[in-house]
Protein backbone atom coordinates (compact mmCIF):
# COMPACT_ATOMS: atom_id res chain seq x y z
CA UNK A 1 16.99 -9.81 19.31
CA UNK A 2 14.54 -6.95 19.90
CA UNK A 3 11.88 -6.13 17.32
CA UNK A 4 13.09 -2.50 17.08
CA UNK A 5 16.74 -3.47 16.50
CA UNK A 6 18.47 -4.44 13.24
CA UNK A 7 19.28 -8.16 13.08
CA UNK A 8 22.48 -7.36 11.10
CA UNK A 9 24.16 -4.64 13.16
CA UNK A 10 21.97 -4.13 16.26
CA UNK A 11 21.17 -0.47 15.48
CA UNK A 12 17.68 1.00 15.81
CA UNK A 13 15.17 0.51 13.00
CA UNK A 14 13.62 3.67 11.56
CA UNK A 15 9.95 4.64 11.38
CA UNK A 16 7.42 2.55 9.45
CA UNK A 17 7.30 3.65 5.79
CA UNK A 18 4.54 2.68 3.32
CA UNK A 19 5.45 2.08 -0.33
CA UNK A 20 3.31 3.21 -3.27
CA UNK A 21 2.11 -0.41 -3.57
CA UNK A 22 0.85 -0.42 0.04
CA UNK A 23 3.61 -2.56 1.60
CA UNK A 24 5.15 -1.40 4.88
CA UNK A 25 8.81 -1.52 5.86
CA UNK A 26 11.37 -0.30 8.38
CA UNK A 27 14.96 0.56 7.41
CA UNK A 28 17.99 0.25 9.64
CA UNK A 29 19.38 3.63 10.72
CA UNK A 30 22.97 2.39 10.30
CA UNK A 31 23.21 -0.28 7.55
CA UNK A 32 21.29 -1.30 4.40
CA UNK A 33 18.96 -3.83 6.11
CA UNK A 34 15.22 -3.50 5.33
CA UNK A 35 12.59 -5.24 7.46
CA UNK A 36 9.37 -5.86 5.50
CA UNK A 37 6.29 -5.90 7.72
CA UNK A 38 3.43 -8.35 7.11
CA UNK A 39 0.21 -6.89 5.72
CA UNK A 40 -2.65 -7.62 8.10
CA UNK A 41 -5.86 -8.96 6.48
CA UNK A 42 -8.75 -6.46 6.33
CA UNK A 43 -12.27 -7.66 7.20
CA UNK A 44 -14.76 -7.19 4.35
CA UNK A 45 -18.54 -6.65 4.44
CA UNK A 46 -19.05 -9.95 2.62
CA UNK A 47 -19.92 -13.42 3.86
CA UNK A 48 -18.11 -16.63 2.98
CA UNK A 49 -20.16 -18.66 0.47
CA UNK A 50 -18.96 -21.90 2.10
CA UNK A 51 -19.53 -21.30 5.81
CA UNK A 52 -21.21 -17.88 6.19
CA UNK A 53 -18.46 -16.19 8.25
CA UNK A 54 -16.84 -12.84 7.32
CA UNK A 55 -14.44 -12.67 4.37
CA UNK A 56 -11.07 -10.94 4.71
CA UNK A 57 -8.86 -9.26 2.11
CA UNK A 58 -5.40 -10.83 2.45
CA UNK A 59 -2.09 -10.67 0.58
CA UNK A 60 0.47 -13.33 -0.26
CA UNK A 61 4.19 -12.77 0.37
CA UNK A 62 4.55 -11.82 -3.31
CA UNK A 63 1.73 -9.25 -3.11
CA UNK A 64 -1.14 -11.11 -4.81
CA UNK A 65 -4.58 -10.24 -3.42
CA UNK A 66 -7.22 -12.71 -2.33
CA UNK A 67 -10.53 -12.83 -0.51
CA UNK A 68 -10.42 -15.62 2.07
CA UNK A 69 -12.63 -16.84 4.87
CA UNK A 70 -11.70 -15.17 8.17
CA UNK A 71 -11.81 -18.57 9.93
CA UNK A 72 -9.17 -20.06 7.62
CA UNK A 73 -5.59 -20.24 8.82
CA UNK A 74 -2.42 -22.27 9.08
CA UNK A 75 -1.19 -24.34 12.01
CA UNK A 76 2.62 -24.00 11.79
CA UNK A 77 3.21 -26.70 14.40
CA UNK A 78 0.99 -29.32 12.70
CA UNK A 79 1.81 -27.95 9.22
CA UNK A 80 -1.79 -28.09 7.99
CA UNK A 81 -4.68 -25.77 7.15
CA UNK A 82 -7.29 -24.97 9.79
CA UNK A 83 -10.86 -23.68 9.53
CA UNK A 84 -12.67 -22.90 6.28
CA UNK A 85 -10.55 -23.20 3.10
CA UNK A 86 -12.48 -20.72 0.87
CA UNK A 87 -10.20 -18.49 -1.26
CA UNK A 88 -11.08 -16.21 -4.20
CA UNK A 89 -8.12 -14.72 -6.07
CA UNK A 90 -8.54 -11.07 -7.11
CA UNK A 91 -7.45 -10.35 -10.66
CA UNK A 92 -7.25 -7.09 -12.56
CA UNK A 93 -10.23 -5.11 -13.87
CA UNK A 94 -10.96 -3.83 -17.38
CA UNK A 95 -13.00 -0.70 -18.21
CA UNK A 96 -13.88 0.38 -21.78
CA UNK A 97 -12.60 3.71 -23.15
CA UNK A 98 -14.01 5.85 -25.98
CA UNK A 99 -10.63 6.17 -27.74
CA UNK A 100 -9.40 4.04 -30.65
CA UNK A 101 -6.08 2.16 -30.67
CA UNK A 102 -3.41 4.12 -32.61
CA UNK A 103 -1.92 0.85 -33.96
CA UNK A 104 -4.96 -1.17 -35.14
CA UNK A 105 -8.05 1.08 -34.79
CA UNK A 106 -9.97 -1.11 -32.29
CA UNK A 107 -11.24 0.33 -28.99
CA UNK A 108 -8.88 0.92 -26.05
CA UNK A 109 -9.49 -0.28 -22.47
CA UNK A 110 -8.21 0.82 -19.08
CA UNK A 111 -6.74 -2.21 -17.30
CA UNK A 112 -5.97 -2.07 -13.57
CA UNK A 113 -3.77 -4.87 -12.23
CA UNK A 114 -4.51 -6.60 -8.93
CA UNK A 115 -1.69 -4.51 -7.42
CA UNK A 116 -3.31 -1.25 -8.56
CA UNK A 117 -1.02 -0.44 -11.50
CA UNK A 118 -2.91 0.98 -14.47
CA UNK A 119 -2.41 0.85 -18.23
CA UNK A 120 -4.29 1.77 -21.37
CA UNK A 121 -4.15 -1.10 -23.83
CA UNK A 122 -5.87 -2.35 -26.97
CA UNK A 123 -9.05 -4.35 -26.37
CA UNK A 124 -7.74 -7.10 -28.70
CA UNK A 125 -4.63 -7.82 -26.62
CA UNK A 126 -4.54 -11.05 -24.67
CA UNK A 127 -2.44 -14.00 -23.54
CA UNK A 128 -2.40 -17.57 -24.89
CA UNK A 129 -1.72 -19.75 -21.83
CA UNK A 130 -0.95 -22.89 -23.84
CA UNK A 131 1.62 -21.28 -26.15
CA UNK A 132 2.72 -18.77 -23.48
CA UNK A 133 2.70 -15.78 -25.78
CA UNK A 134 0.85 -12.52 -26.31
CA UNK A 135 -2.03 -12.37 -28.81
CA UNK A 136 -3.71 -9.49 -30.63
CA UNK A 137 -2.47 -5.90 -30.77
CA UNK A 138 0.55 -5.04 -28.60
CA UNK A 139 -0.28 -1.35 -27.88
CA UNK A 140 0.23 -0.50 -24.17
CA UNK A 141 0.58 2.84 -22.36
CA UNK A 142 1.43 2.56 -18.63
CA UNK A 143 -0.04 5.33 -16.47
CA UNK A 144 1.48 7.11 -13.49
CA UNK A 145 -0.47 6.62 -10.26
CA UNK A 146 -1.78 10.22 -10.37
CA UNK A 147 -2.78 10.28 -14.07
CA UNK A 148 -6.50 10.65 -14.78
CA UNK A 149 -8.34 8.83 -17.59
CA UNK A 150 -11.86 9.42 -18.96
CA UNK A 151 -13.72 6.08 -18.81
CA UNK A 152 -16.63 5.35 -21.21
CA UNK A 153 -20.08 5.34 -19.61
């Protein structure tokens, strides 16, 4: 089947649309089928600490971000990794705020997830991996993508 045709009904696929999260897709002009397009890795101005080649910013199928060596890959026929195997997972970032938590009085922080979603939360909040439960204060305020926040200097 052609790349510009729907695999369900054979109709044309629409224009490429980008979601707020940065993923790209094409919708069928006739039925409900959605074709998700792969996100191409972007070359970074950083060198691989293992082999010295360029690093690339890549995404998993579920949207997690990682820095990986540009020489690393996957041989589908042999079903094994090729090239350099360096990977660094990108997690969220935390920036201090001048405001106090309305629930417990400790300082608030601006947390940005690896996918770019932002929230204001209490600096005491955390996650206990062993017990699989939240710790500290539970105050959270999710922000819209266009909302501005004053960050402490």
